Amino acid sequence: NLGALHSMLGAMDKRVSEEGMKVSCTHFQCAAGAFTYLRDHFPHSYSVDMSHQILNLNINLMLGQAQECLLEKSMLDNRKSFLVARISAQVVDYYKEACRALENSDTASLLGKIQKDWKKLVQMKIYYFAAVAHLHMGKQAEEQQKYGERVTYFQSALDKLNEAVRLAKGQPETVQEALRFTMDVIGGKYNSSKKDNDFIYHEAVPALDTLQSIKGASLVKALPVNPTDPAVTGPDIFAKLVPMAAHEASSLYSEEKAKLLRDVMAKIDAKNEILEQFMDSLQLDADTVDNLDVYDHIPPVLMEKCAALSVRPETVKNLVQSMQVLSG
């Protein structure tokens, strides 16, 4: 959920400003971090959408989009052509990894019909950013006055862009507009470089595979995520949830307390029954015995004698023994 949320927040921004690019880039890296945490801490899939291949797909899609944000910023900042080409090449590498995950049979069975659409879109991005990389390698060759190499790179960029256009059929108008704009740029560069080389420089146009390969430069990474950090996940939604062990202990305590109470009440009832039988034998009225106001009319002398007997409990017994001796 955390990874999906960050990916949505990253995609929501149109990335038309430098700040928007930074925010989107951060969200995509956080999303990659969340999916990486799942992959590294839960090696066994608990559901089909958390398989190793699906998580790898998500991670590379997020890193690819984060790298896209930095590519856009580097072009706005007019970075050196060779650096822009390397950044763009790394976007291609991330999407190639994502495409490999999409081609996995388990991934295809899980995604169903949308697997083909996703694969087509990712392949379109691969060709598009490869075209951008070769475009800037052509610019680099131009800066170094390697006019034959310039033609080769621009030709390769144009070929890859044409393939991207073919795969982009059915995509939104914003995508088509971006492709048309890039086609105008690359087409213009290729026509101009070929004309200049044919009529002015006359340099040999080398084959693409004889030229320096473009090594990607990764500027993004999966940002670490701590799912227990309240600053990341918010307050614990289970904070008020009592553990089952506590429920069981509480239930056992309540049962023991009720059992003790039943034992005490049983003893009280038994003693009350004995008391009632004793009072009946003495023909005492229970209401009179419980009425304490009756004792207010007892003479003080009698109360003193009772108190004296209370402090000398053997007096009656001694009196009885004395009377028995006298009678005997």
C-alpha atoms as a PDB file:
ATOM      1  CA  ASN A   1       0.000   0.000   0.000  1.00  0.00           C
ATOM      2  CA  LEU A   2       2.803   2.403   0.841  1.00  0.00           C
ATOM      3  CA  GLY A   3       4.552   1.690  -2.462  1.00  0.00           C
ATOM      4  CA  ALA A   4       1.335   2.096  -4.433  1.00  0.00           C
ATOM      5  CA  LEU A   5       0.574   5.381  -2.654  1.00  0.00           C
ATOM      6  CA  HIS A   6       3.999   6.864  -3.413  1.00  0.00           C
ATOM      7  CA  SER A   7       3.749   5.758  -7.041  1.00  0.00           C
ATOM      8  CA  MET A   8       0.357   7.503  -7.357  1.00  0.00           C
ATOM      9  CA  LEU A   9       1.708  10.697  -5.763  1.00  0.00           C
ATOM     10  CA  GLY A  10       4.691  10.625  -8.120  1.00  0.00           C
ATOM     11  CA  ALA A  11       2.467  10.190 -11.165  1.00  0.00           C
ATOM     12  CA  MET A  12      -0.001  12.918 -10.126  1.00  0.00           C
ATOM     13  CA  ASP A  13       2.457  15.778 -10.710  1.00  0.00           C
ATOM     14  CA  LYS A  14       2.757  16.963 -14.323  1.00  0.00           C
ATOM     15  CA  ARG A  15       6.480  17.653 -13.788  1.00  0.00           C
ATOM     16  CA  VAL A  16       6.339  21.010 -15.546  1.00  0.00           C
ATOM     17  CA  SER A  17       8.451  22.699 -12.864  1.00  0.00           C
ATOM     18  CA  GLU A  18      11.791  21.869 -11.278  1.00  0.00           C
ATOM     19  CA  GLU A  19      10.157  21.450  -7.874  1.00  0.00           C
ATOM     20  CA  GLY A  20       7.549  19.119  -9.339  1.00  0.00           C
ATOM     21  CA  MET A  21      10.290  16.970 -10.882  1.00  0.00           C
ATOM     22  CA  LYS A  22      12.069  16.711  -7.535  1.00  0.00           C
ATOM     23  CA  VAL A  23       8.892  15.782  -5.660  1.00  0.00           C
ATOM     24  CA  SER A  24       7.910  13.146  -8.232  1.00  0.00           C
ATOM     25  CA  CYS A  25      11.435  11.733  -8.243  1.00  0.00           C
ATOM     26  CA  THR A  26      11.381  11.390  -4.446  1.00  0.00           C
ATOM     27  CA  HIS A  27       7.983   9.673  -4.458  1.00  0.00           C
ATOM     28  CA  PHE A  28       9.084   7.158  -7.097  1.00  0.00           C
ATOM     29  CA  GLN A  29      12.246   6.352  -5.121  1.00  0.00           C
ATOM     30  CA  CYS A  30      10.177   5.888  -1.944  1.00  0.00           C
ATOM     31  CA  ALA A  31       7.852   3.566  -3.842  1.00  0.00           C
ATOM     32  CA  ALA A  32      10.849   1.556  -5.049  1.00  0.00           C
ATOM     33  CA  GLY A  33      12.071   1.405  -1.446  1.00  0.00           C
ATOM     34  CA  ALA A  34       8.757  -0.007  -0.240  1.00  0.00           C
ATOM     35  CA  PHE A  35       8.734  -2.718  -2.910  1.00  0.00           C
ATOM     36  CA  THR A  36      12.412  -3.489  -2.224  1.00  0.00           C
ATOM     37  CA  TYR A  37      11.620  -3.932   1.486  1.00  0.00           C
ATOM     38  CA  LEU A  38       8.943  -6.492   0.609  1.00  0.00           C
ATOM     39  CA  ARG A  39      11.260  -8.354  -1.747  1.00  0.00           C
ATOM     40  CA  ASP A  40      14.160  -8.486   0.732  1.00  0.00           C
ATOM     41  CA  HIS A  41      12.212  -9.204   3.938  1.00  0.00           C
ATOM     42  CA  PHE A  42       9.577 -11.589   2.606  1.00  0.00           C
ATOM     43  CA  PRO A  43      11.369 -14.046   0.304  1.00  0.00           C
ATOM     44  CA  HIS A  44       8.346 -16.346   0.219  1.00  0.00           C
ATOM     45  CA  SER A  45       5.350 -15.011  -1.676  1.00  0.00           C
ATOM     46  CA  TYR A  46       2.251 -14.673   0.479  1.00  0.00           C
ATOM     47  CA  SER A  47       0.164 -13.792  -2.564  1.00  0.00           C
ATOM     48  CA  VAL A  48       0.624 -13.788  -6.320  1.00  0.00           C
ATOM     49  CA  ASP A  49       0.954 -10.000  -6.465  1.00  0.00           C
ATOM     50  CA  MET A  50       3.947 -10.160  -4.089  1.00  0.00           C
ATOM     51  CA  SER A  51       5.989 -12.639  -6.105  1.00  0.00           C
ATOM     52  CA  HIS A  52       9.668 -11.937  -6.771  1.00  0.00           C
ATOM     53  CA  GLN A  53       8.983 -11.129 -10.437  1.00  0.00           C
ATOM     54  CA  ILE A  54       6.113  -8.736  -9.696  1.00  0.00           C
ATOM     55  CA  LEU A  55       8.145  -6.880  -7.070  1.00  0.00           C
ATOM     56  CA  ASN A  56      11.104  -6.623  -9.468  1.00  0.00           C
ATOM     57  CA  LEU A  57       8.730  -5.241 -12.088  1.00  0.00           C
ATOM     58  CA  ASN A  58       7.441  -2.608  -9.664  1.00  0.00           C
ATOM     59  CA  ILE A  59      10.926  -1.667  -8.463  1.00  0.00           C
ATOM     60  CA  ASN A  60      12.328  -1.125 -11.962  1.00  0.00           C
ATOM     61  CA  LEU A  61       9.235   0.767 -13.113  1.00  0.00           C
ATOM     62  CA  MET A  62       9.577   3.129 -10.147  1.00  0.00           C
ATOM     63  CA  LEU A  63      13.326   3.618 -10.611  1.00  0.00           C
ATOM     64  CA  GLY A  64      12.835   4.147 -14.345  1.00  0.00           C
ATOM     65  CA  GLN A  65      10.301   6.903 -13.724  1.00  0.00           C
ATOM     66  CA  ALA A  66      12.506   8.491 -11.056  1.00  0.00           C
ATOM     67  CA  GLN A  67      15.401   8.503 -13.544  1.00  0.00           C
ATOM     68  CA  GLU A  68      13.073  10.057 -16.127  1.00  0.00           C
ATOM     69  CA  CYS A  69      12.484  12.982 -13.756  1.00  0.00           C
ATOM     70  CA  LEU A  70      16.226  13.606 -13.464  1.00  0.00           C
ATOM     71  CA  LEU A  71      16.644  13.238 -17.233  1.00  0.00           C
ATOM     72  CA  GLU A  72      14.064  15.960 -17.798  1.00  0.00           C
ATOM     73  CA  LYS A  73      15.772  18.186 -15.239  1.00  0.00           C
ATOM     74  CA  SER A  74      19.223  17.603 -16.773  1.00  0.00           C
ATOM     75  CA  MET A  75      17.915  18.654 -20.193  1.00  0.00           C
ATOM     76  CA  LEU A  76      16.286  21.768 -18.705  1.00  0.00           C
ATOM     77  CA  ASP A  77      19.597  22.581 -17.007  1.00  0.00           C
ATOM     78  CA  ASN A  78      21.464  22.181 -20.346  1.00  0.00           C
ATOM     79  CA  ARG A  79      23.807  19.544 -18.953  1.00  0.00           C
ATOM     80  CA  LYS A  80      26.564  18.168 -21.171  1.00  0.00           C
ATOM     81  CA  SER A  81      25.300  15.959 -23.975  1.00  0.00           C
ATOM     82  CA  PHE A  82      27.346  12.939 -22.893  1.00  0.00           C
ATOM     83  CA  LEU A  83      25.894  13.109 -19.349  1.00  0.00           C
ATOM     84  CA  VAL A  84      22.330  13.419 -20.660  1.00  0.00           C
ATOM     85  CA  ALA A  85      22.950  10.436 -22.935  1.00  0.00           C
ATOM     86  CA  ARG A  86      24.159   8.314 -19.996  1.00  0.00           C
ATOM     87  CA  ILE A  87      21.174   9.314 -17.852  1.00  0.00           C
ATOM     88  CA  SER A  88      18.818   8.422 -20.682  1.00  0.00           C
ATOM     89  CA  ALA A  89      20.619   5.102 -21.236  1.00  0.00           C
ATOM     90  CA  GLN A  90      20.017   4.217 -17.591  1.00  0.00           C
ATOM     91  CA  VAL A  91      16.289   4.850 -18.071  1.00  0.00           C
ATOM     92  CA  VAL A  92      16.479   2.303 -20.906  1.00  0.00           C
ATOM     93  CA  ASP A  93      18.249  -0.187 -18.616  1.00  0.00           C
ATOM     94  CA  TYR A  94      15.573   0.106 -15.916  1.00  0.00           C
ATOM     95  CA  TYR A  95      12.774  -0.397 -18.421  1.00  0.00           C
ATOM     96  CA  LYS A  96      14.545  -3.360 -19.994  1.00  0.00           C
ATOM     97  CA  GLU A  97      14.615  -5.009 -16.561  1.00  0.00           C
ATOM     98  CA  ALA A  98      10.926  -4.241 -16.155  1.00  0.00           C
ATOM     99  CA  CYS A  99      10.217  -5.702 -19.589  1.00  0.00           C
ATOM    100  CA  ARG A 100      12.030  -8.921 -18.657  1.00  0.00           C
ATOM    101  CA  ALA A 101       9.844  -9.207 -15.571  1.00  0.00           C
ATOM    102  CA  LEU A 102       6.745  -8.655 -17.715  1.00  0.00           C
ATOM    103  CA  GLU A 103       7.777 -11.475 -20.019  1.00  0.00           C
ATOM    104  CA  ASN A 104       7.831 -13.928 -17.108  1.00  0.00           C
ATOM    105  CA  SER A 105       5.038 -16.504 -17.386  1.00  0.00           C
ATOM    106  CA  ASP A 106       3.868 -15.998 -13.785  1.00  0.00           C
ATOM    107  CA  THR A 107       3.663 -12.257 -14.310  1.00  0.00           C
ATOM    108  CA  ALA A 108       1.769 -12.703 -17.563  1.00  0.00           C
ATOM    109  CA  SER A 109      -0.776 -15.036 -15.944  1.00  0.00           C
ATOM    110  CA  LEU A 110      -1.323 -12.620 -13.055  1.00  0.00           C
ATOM    111  CA  LEU A 111      -1.721  -9.463 -15.172  1.00  0.00           C
ATOM    112  CA  GLY A 112      -3.844 -11.141 -17.821  1.00  0.00           C
ATOM    113  CA  LYS A 113      -4.903  -8.902 -20.690  1.00  0.00           C
ATOM    114  CA  ILE A 114      -3.127  -5.791 -19.443  1.00  0.00           C
ATOM    115  CA  GLN A 115       0.228  -7.593 -19.603  1.00  0.00           C
ATOM    116  CA  LYS A 116       0.414  -7.021 -23.361  1.00  0.00           C
ATOM    117  CA  ASP A 117      -0.537  -3.343 -22.973  1.00  0.00           C
ATOM    118  CA  TRP A 118       2.061  -2.808 -20.261  1.00  0.00           C
ATOM    119  CA  LYS A 119       4.729  -4.605 -22.250  1.00  0.00           C
ATOM    120  CA  LYS A 120       3.957  -2.529 -25.340  1.00  0.00           C
ATOM    121  CA  LEU A 121       4.124   0.690 -23.325  1.00  0.00           C
ATOM    122  CA  VAL A 122       7.408  -0.261 -21.659  1.00  0.00           C
ATOM    123  CA  GLN A 123       8.914  -1.249 -25.013  1.00  0.00           C
ATOM    124  CA  MET A 124       7.808   2.074 -26.459  1.00  0.00           C
ATOM    125  CA  LYS A 125       9.619   3.850 -23.629  1.00  0.00           C
ATOM    126  CA  ILE A 126      12.730   1.744 -24.211  1.00  0.00           C
ATOM    127  CA  TYR A 127      12.904   2.781 -27.855  1.00  0.00           C
ATOM    128  CA  TYR A 128      12.023   6.384 -27.083  1.00  0.00           C
ATOM    129  CA  PHE A 129      14.695   6.912 -24.448  1.00  0.00           C
ATOM    130  CA  ALA A 130      17.234   4.997 -26.522  1.00  0.00           C
ATOM    131  CA  ALA A 131      16.489   7.530 -29.260  1.00  0.00           C
ATOM    132  CA  VAL A 132      17.036  10.367 -26.794  1.00  0.00           C
ATOM    133  CA  ALA A 133      20.332   8.814 -25.686  1.00  0.00           C
ATOM    134  CA  HIS A 134      21.578   8.498 -29.276  1.00  0.00           C
ATOM    135  CA  LEU A 135      20.397  12.018 -30.059  1.00  0.00           C
ATOM    136  CA  HIS A 136      22.650  13.398 -27.342  1.00  0.00           C
ATOM    137  CA  MET A 137      25.520  11.130 -28.333  1.00  0.00           C
ATOM    138  CA  GLY A 138      25.160  12.695 -31.778  1.00  0.00           C
ATOM    139  CA  LYS A 139      25.352  16.121 -30.184  1.00  0.00           C
ATOM    140  CA  GLN A 140      28.459  14.979 -28.308  1.00  0.00           C
ATOM    141  CA  ALA A 141      30.036  13.842 -31.584  1.00  0.00           C
ATOM    142  CA  GLU A 142      29.134  17.200 -33.121  1.00  0.00           C
ATOM    143  CA  GLU A 143      30.857  19.037 -30.273  1.00  0.00           C
ATOM    144  CA  GLN A 144      33.930  16.883 -30.863  1.00  0.00           C
ATOM    145  CA  GLN A 145      33.707  17.555 -34.614  1.00  0.00           C
ATOM    146  CA  LYS A 146      33.228  13.866 -35.400  1.00  0.00           C
ATOM    147  CA  TYR A 147      30.768  14.442 -38.193  1.00  0.00           C
ATOM    148  CA  GLY A 148      30.609  10.879 -39.469  1.00  0.00           C
ATOM    149  CA  GLU A 149      29.779   9.548 -36.011  1.00  0.00           C
ATOM    150  CA  ARG A 150      27.210  12.304 -35.658  1.00  0.00           C
ATOM    151  CA  VAL A 151      25.328  10.997 -38.693  1.00  0.00           C
ATOM    152  CA  THR A 152      25.433   7.440 -37.336  1.00  0.00           C
ATOM    153  CA  TYR A 153      24.006   8.418 -33.949  1.00  0.00           C
ATOM    154  CA  PHE A 154      21.294  10.621 -35.450  1.00  0.00           C
ATOM    155  CA  GLN A 155      20.354   7.840 -37.888  1.00  0.00           C
ATOM    156  CA  SER A 156      20.112   5.359 -35.006  1.00  0.00           C
ATOM    157  CA  ALA A 157      18.059   7.826 -32.975  1.00  0.00           C
ATOM    158  CA  LEU A 158      15.662   8.266 -35.893  1.00  0.00           C
ATOM    159  CA  ASP A 159      15.295   4.486 -36.356  1.00  0.00           C
ATOM    160  CA  LYS A 160      14.550   3.914 -32.687  1.00  0.00           C
ATOM    161  CA  LEU A 161      12.098   6.798 -32.585  1.00  0.00           C
ATOM    162  CA  ASN A 162      10.212   5.373 -35.563  1.00  0.00           C
ATOM    163  CA  GLU A 163       9.882   2.093 -33.662  1.00  0.00           C
ATOM    164  CA  ALA A 164       8.626   4.003 -30.618  1.00  0.00           C
ATOM    165  CA  VAL A 165       6.025   5.738 -32.796  1.00  0.00           C
ATOM    166  CA  ARG A 166       4.868   2.370 -34.098  1.00  0.00           C
ATOM    167  CA  LEU A 167       4.440   1.004 -30.559  1.00  0.00           C
ATOM    168  CA  ALA A 168       2.718   4.188 -29.370  1.00  0.00           C
ATOM    169  CA  LYS A 169      -0.462   3.629 -31.412  1.00  0.00           C
ATOM    170  CA  GLY A 170      -3.442   4.036 -29.132  1.00  0.00           C
ATOM    171  CA  GLN A 171      -1.548   6.066 -26.537  1.00  0.00           C
ATOM    172  CA  PRO A 172      -2.952   9.405 -25.268  1.00  0.00           C
ATOM    173  CA  GLU A 173      -2.577  12.558 -27.315  1.00  0.00           C
ATOM    174  CA  THR A 174       0.040  13.943 -24.902  1.00  0.00           C
ATOM    175  CA  VAL A 175       2.299  10.983 -25.768  1.00  0.00           C
ATOM    176  CA  GLN A 176       1.699  11.444 -29.486  1.00  0.00           C
ATOM    177  CA  GLU A 177       2.501  15.132 -29.214  1.00  0.00           C
ATOM    178  CA  ALA A 178       5.790  14.399 -27.418  1.00  0.00           C
ATOM    179  CA  LEU A 179       6.717  11.881 -30.102  1.00  0.00           C
ATOM    180  CA  ARG A 180       5.944  14.351 -32.895  1.00  0.00           C
ATOM    181  CA  PHE A 181       8.071  17.025 -31.237  1.00  0.00           C
ATOM    182  CA  THR A 182      10.982  14.606 -30.765  1.00  0.00           C
ATOM    183  CA  MET A 183      10.593  13.435 -34.365  1.00  0.00           C
ATOM    184  CA  ASP A 184      10.902  17.024 -35.590  1.00  0.00           C
ATOM    185  CA  VAL A 185      14.075  17.516 -33.514  1.00  0.00           C
ATOM    186  CA  ILE A 186      15.777  14.249 -34.441  1.00  0.00           C
ATOM    187  CA  GLY A 187      14.631  14.374 -38.062  1.00  0.00           C
ATOM    188  CA  GLY A 188      15.951  17.890 -38.412  1.00  0.00           C
ATOM    189  CA  LYS A 189      19.273  16.935 -36.793  1.00  0.00           C
ATOM    190  CA  TYR A 190      19.685  13.887 -39.018  1.00  0.00           C
ATOM    191  CA  ASN A 191      18.875  15.698 -42.277  1.00  0.00           C
ATOM    192  CA  SER A 192      21.147  18.592 -41.402  1.00  0.00           C
ATOM    193  CA  SER A 193      24.079  16.358 -40.334  1.00  0.00           C
ATOM    194  CA  LYS A 194      23.783  14.109 -43.390  1.00  0.00           C
ATOM    195  CA  LYS A 195      23.661  17.089 -45.743  1.00  0.00           C
ATOM    196  CA  ASP A 196      26.656  18.740 -44.084  1.00  0.00           C
ATOM    197  CA  ASN A 197      28.677  15.526 -44.195  1.00  0.00           C
ATOM    198  CA  ASP A 198      27.768  14.793 -47.804  1.00  0.00           C
ATOM    199  CA  PHE A 199      28.624  18.251 -49.093  1.00  0.00           C
ATOM    200  CA  ILE A 200      31.197  19.610 -46.641  1.00  0.00           C
ATOM    201  CA  TYR A 201      32.995  17.154 -44.339  1.00  0.00           C
ATOM    202  CA  HIS A 202      32.931  13.906 -46.376  1.00  0.00           C
ATOM    203  CA  GLU A 203      33.759  11.803 -43.322  1.00  0.00           C
ATOM    204  CA  ALA A 204      33.145   8.060 -43.313  1.00  0.00           C
ATOM    205  CA  VAL A 205      29.936   7.092 -41.547  1.00  0.00           C
ATOM    206  CA  PRO A 206      30.821   4.194 -39.205  1.00  0.00           C
ATOM    207  CA  ALA A 207      28.492   1.364 -38.258  1.00  0.00           C
ATOM    208  CA  LEU A 208      26.757   1.861 -34.943  1.00  0.00           C
ATOM    209  CA  ASP A 209      28.217  -1.288 -33.383  1.00  0.00           C
ATOM    210  CA  THR A 210      31.750   0.041 -33.959  1.00  0.00           C
ATOM    211  CA  LEU A 211      31.089   3.114 -31.844  1.00  0.00           C
ATOM    212  CA  GLN A 212      31.357   3.555 -28.098  1.00  0.00           C
ATOM    213  CA  SER A 213      28.463   1.945 -26.268  1.00  0.00           C
ATOM    214  CA  ILE A 214      26.525   4.176 -23.921  1.00  0.00           C
ATOM    215  CA  LYS A 215      26.927   3.151 -20.290  1.00  0.00           C
ATOM    216  CA  GLY A 216      24.008   4.197 -18.125  1.00  0.00           C
ATOM    217  CA  ALA A 217      24.527   6.502 -15.147  1.00  0.00           C
ATOM    218  CA  SER A 218      22.093   5.765 -12.349  1.00  0.00           C
ATOM    219  CA  LEU A 219      21.232   8.849 -10.303  1.00  0.00           C
ATOM    220  CA  VAL A 220      18.404   7.268  -8.313  1.00  0.00           C
ATOM    221  CA  LYS A 221      18.018   4.469  -5.784  1.00  0.00           C
ATOM    222  CA  ALA A 222      15.353   2.763  -3.733  1.00  0.00           C
ATOM    223  CA  LEU A 223      15.047   4.911  -0.621  1.00  0.00           C
ATOM    224  CA  PRO A 224      14.977   2.785   2.579  1.00  0.00           C
ATOM    225  CA  VAL A 225      11.570   2.443   4.206  1.00  0.00           C
ATOM    226  CA  ASN A 226      10.915   1.602   7.853  1.00  0.00           C
ATOM    227  CA  PRO A 227       7.294   0.418   8.075  1.00  0.00           C
ATOM    228  CA  THR A 228       7.314   0.812  11.867  1.00  0.00           C
ATOM    229  CA  ASP A 229       8.237   4.505  11.757  1.00  0.00           C
ATOM    230  CA  PRO A 230       5.114   6.587  12.611  1.00  0.00           C
ATOM    231  CA  ALA A 231       6.513   9.426  10.478  1.00  0.00           C
ATOM    232  CA  VAL A 232       6.205   7.105   7.464  1.00  0.00           C
ATOM    233  CA  THR A 233       3.116   5.031   8.177  1.00  0.00           C
ATOM    234  CA  GLY A 234       1.217   7.330  10.542  1.00  0.00           C
ATOM    235  CA  PRO A 235      -0.282   6.226  13.878  1.00  0.00           C
ATOM    236  CA  ASP A 236      -0.679   2.517  14.504  1.00  0.00           C
ATOM    237  CA  ILE A 237      -4.177   1.545  13.357  1.00  0.00           C
ATOM    238  CA  PHE A 238      -4.040  -1.463  15.682  1.00  0.00           C
ATOM    239  CA  ALA A 239      -2.950   0.513  18.741  1.00  0.00           C
ATOM    240  CA  LYS A 240      -6.220  -0.242  20.562  1.00  0.00           C
ATOM    241  CA  LEU A 241      -6.305  -3.854  19.465  1.00  0.00           C
ATOM    242  CA  VAL A 242      -5.766  -6.126  22.502  1.00  0.00           C
ATOM    243  CA  PRO A 243      -3.556  -9.170  21.814  1.00  0.00           C
ATOM    244  CA  MET A 244      -5.242 -12.565  21.946  1.00  0.00           C
ATOM    245  CA  ALA A 245      -3.009 -13.619  24.844  1.00  0.00           C
ATOM    246  CA  ALA A 246      -4.286 -10.665  26.865  1.00  0.00           C
ATOM    247  CA  HIS A 247      -7.879 -11.597  25.980  1.00  0.00           C
ATOM    248  CA  GLU A 248      -7.286 -15.161  27.180  1.00  0.00           C
ATOM    249  CA  ALA A 249      -5.597 -14.003  30.385  1.00  0.00           C
ATOM    250  CA  SER A 250      -8.438 -11.560  31.087  1.00  0.00           C
ATOM    251  CA  SER A 251     -11.035 -14.271  30.476  1.00  0.00           C
ATOM    252  CA  LEU A 252      -9.201 -16.663  32.823  1.00  0.00           C
ATOM    253  CA  TYR A 253      -8.976 -13.960  35.515  1.00  0.00           C
ATOM    254  CA  SER A 254     -12.694 -13.178  35.237  1.00  0.00           C
ATOM    255  CA  GLU A 255     -13.573 -16.862  35.544  1.00  0.00           C
ATOM    256  CA  GLU A 256     -11.372 -17.319  38.615  1.00  0.00           C
ATOM    257  CA  LYS A 257     -12.853 -14.208  40.224  1.00  0.00           C
ATOM    258  CA  ALA A 258     -16.392 -15.449  39.559  1.00  0.00           C
ATOM    259  CA  LYS A 259     -15.499 -18.866  41.008  1.00  0.00           C
ATOM    260  CA  LEU A 260     -14.100 -17.279  44.186  1.00  0.00           C
ATOM    261  CA  LEU A 261     -17.193 -15.100  44.505  1.00  0.00           C
ATOM    262  CA  ARG A 262     -19.464 -18.148  44.161  1.00  0.00           C
ATOM    263  CA  ASP A 263     -17.525 -19.987  46.916  1.00  0.00           C
ATOM    264  CA  VAL A 264     -17.775 -17.010  49.286  1.00  0.00           C
ATOM    265  CA  MET A 265     -21.484 -16.529  48.611  1.00  0.00           C
ATOM    266  CA  ALA A 266     -22.094 -20.253  49.205  1.00  0.00           C
ATOM    267  CA  LYS A 267     -20.382 -20.019  52.611  1.00  0.00           C
ATOM    268  CA  ILE A 268     -22.395 -16.888  53.498  1.00  0.00           C
ATOM    269  CA  ASP A 269     -25.651 -18.602  52.560  1.00  0.00           C
ATOM    270  CA  ALA A 270     -24.727 -21.626  54.696  1.00  0.00           C
ATOM    271  CA  LYS A 271     -23.905 -19.422  57.696  1.00  0.00           C
ATOM    272  CA  ASN A 272     -27.123 -17.428  57.225  1.00  0.00           C
ATOM    273  CA  GLU A 273     -29.124 -20.673  57.255  1.00  0.00           C
ATOM    274  CA  ILE A 274     -27.432 -21.769  60.518  1.00  0.00           C
ATOM    275  CA  LEU A 275     -28.099 -18.329  62.028  1.00  0.00           C
ATOM    276  CA  GLU A 276     -31.750 -18.482  61.079  1.00  0.00           C
ATOM    277  CA  GLN A 277     -32.104 -21.938  62.671  1.00  0.00           C
ATOM    278  CA  PHE A 278     -30.412 -20.717  65.866  1.00  0.00           C
ATOM    279  CA  MET A 279     -32.652 -17.651  66.078  1.00  0.00           C
ATOM    280  CA  ASP A 280     -35.713 -19.799  65.532  1.00  0.00           C
ATOM    281  CA  SER A 281     -34.625 -22.047  68.424  1.00  0.00           C
ATOM    282  CA  LEU A 282     -34.330 -18.985  70.647  1.00  0.00           C
ATOM    283  CA  GLN A 283     -37.647 -17.675  69.343  1.00  0.00           C
ATOM    284  CA  LEU A 284     -36.009 -14.390  68.403  1.00  0.00           C
ATOM    285  CA  ASP A 285     -37.565 -11.991  65.950  1.00  0.00           C
ATOM    286  CA  ALA A 286     -35.111 -11.255  63.144  1.00  0.00           C
ATOM    287  CA  ASP A 287     -36.457  -7.703  62.783  1.00  0.00           C
ATOM    288  CA  THR A 288     -35.845  -7.042  66.456  1.00  0.00           C
ATOM    289  CA  VAL A 289     -32.336  -8.419  66.368  1.00  0.00           C
ATOM    290  CA  ASP A 290     -31.418  -6.278  63.383  1.00  0.00           C
ATOM    291  CA  ASN A 291     -32.996  -3.154  64.937  1.00  0.00           C
ATOM    292  CA  LEU A 292     -30.094  -1.444  66.727  1.00  0.00           C
ATOM    293  CA  ASP A 293     -32.366   1.188  68.228  1.00  0.00           C
ATOM    294  CA  VAL A 294     -33.554  -1.433  70.749  1.00  0.00           C
ATOM    295  CA  TYR A 295     -30.142  -1.364  72.406  1.00  0.00           C
ATOM    296  CA  ASP A 296     -30.487   2.328  73.224  1.00  0.00           C
ATOM    297  CA  HIS A 297     -32.972   1.402  76.027  1.00  0.00           C
ATOM    298  CA  ILE A 298     -30.675  -1.087  77.836  1.00  0.00           C
ATOM    299  CA  PRO A 299     -29.705   0.204  81.315  1.00  0.00           C
ATOM    300  CA  PRO A 300     -26.117   1.395  81.567  1.00  0.00           C
ATOM    301  CA  VAL A 301     -25.468  -0.893  84.547  1.00  0.00           C
ATOM    302  CA  LEU A 302     -26.406  -3.927  82.477  1.00  0.00           C
ATOM    303  CA  MET A 303     -24.156  -2.711  79.648  1.00  0.00           C
ATOM    304  CA  GLU A 304     -21.266  -2.407  82.125  1.00  0.00           C
ATOM    305  CA  LYS A 305     -21.843  -5.931  83.413  1.00  0.00           C
ATOM    306  CA  CYS A 306     -21.909  -7.271  79.831  1.00  0.00           C
ATOM    307  CA  ALA A 307     -18.680  -5.472  79.094  1.00  0.00           C
ATOM    308  CA  ALA A 308     -17.087  -6.956  82.222  1.00  0.00           C
ATOM    309  CA  LEU A 309     -18.128 -10.431  81.151  1.00  0.00           C
ATOM    310  CA  SER A 310     -16.718  -9.791  77.674  1.00  0.00           C
ATOM    311  CA  VAL A 311     -13.281  -9.016  79.033  1.00  0.00           C
ATOM    312  CA  ARG A 312     -13.479 -12.011  81.390  1.00  0.00           C
ATOM    313  CA  PRO A 313     -14.859 -14.794  79.168  1.00  0.00           C
ATOM    314  CA  GLU A 314     -14.002 -17.539  81.789  1.00  0.00           C
ATOM    315  CA  THR A 315     -16.268 -16.076  84.461  1.00  0.00           C
ATOM    316  CA  VAL A 316     -19.407 -18.006  83.476  1.00  0.00           C
ATOM    317  CA  LYS A 317     -17.467 -21.246  83.101  1.00  0.00           C
ATOM    318  CA  ASN A 318     -15.877 -20.817  86.538  1.00  0.00           C
ATOM    319  CA  LEU A 319     -19.256 -20.037  88.038  1.00  0.00           C
ATOM    320  CA  VAL A 320     -20.742 -23.227  86.624  1.00  0.00           C
ATOM    321  CA  GLN A 321     -17.832 -25.278  87.947  1.00  0.00           C
ATOM    322  CA  SER A 322     -18.206 -23.705  91.401  1.00  0.00           C
ATOM    323  CA  MET A 323     -21.922 -24.480  91.484  1.00  0.00           C
ATOM    324  CA  GLN A 324     -21.190 -28.085  90.507  1.00  0.00           C
ATOM    325  CA  VAL A 325     -18.699 -28.396  93.352  1.00  0.00           C
ATOM    326  CA  LEU A 326     -21.172 -27.007  95.838  1.00  0.00           C
ATOM    327  CA  SER A 327     -23.948 -29.275  94.651  1.00  0.00           C
ATOM    328  CA  GLY A 328     -21.719 -32.322  94.737  1.00  0.00           C
END
